[in-house]
Amino acid sequence: AELGYGALALTDHDGVYGSLEFAQTAKAFGVRPITGAEVTLAEGSHVTLLVESAAGYANLCRLLTAAHSDTRVPGRERELLDPALPQELLEERNEGLVCLSGCARHGLAVRNPDAA
C-alpha cells in the first residue's frame, strides 16, 4: 500500500499453498490480494494463472487437482512425479482465469511460441 499498489498477486508453483496467509496479510495492509499459481503443463512449460472471480478460483482448484492426480506411482507411493496439466484441460476450464505466458525460463512462449 505504501508503494501505491492497489492489488498484488502471489503465485506458487503448482499450488495455492500461501494464498490464505497472503490474502489475510494483503487485506490488513489495504491491498487487494490476487490468488494465482504457476502451473506446469504436460509438455513441461509453465503458465501463470490468476483468479478474477469465484468461478476462476473453482477452475484453478480443479486444474491443480488434475495436475497432481497422476503424481504417485502405483506400488511406489512415496515417489512423487512432477505435477503436469494437459493443455486441453486448461482450454476447457479457463472461465474466470487470466492466463500469462509463464516464467522466463520455462514459459509457454519460450518452449512453444505457437501455443502462446
Foldseek 3Di string as FASTA:
>chain_A
DVVPAQEDEDAEELDQVCVVVVCVVCVVVNHHYWYWYFYAAQVGATKIKIAQDPLSVVLSVVQSCQQQVPQADVVGRVHGHGGHGHVVSCVVRVPRIDIGQHDPPRGCCVVPVVVD
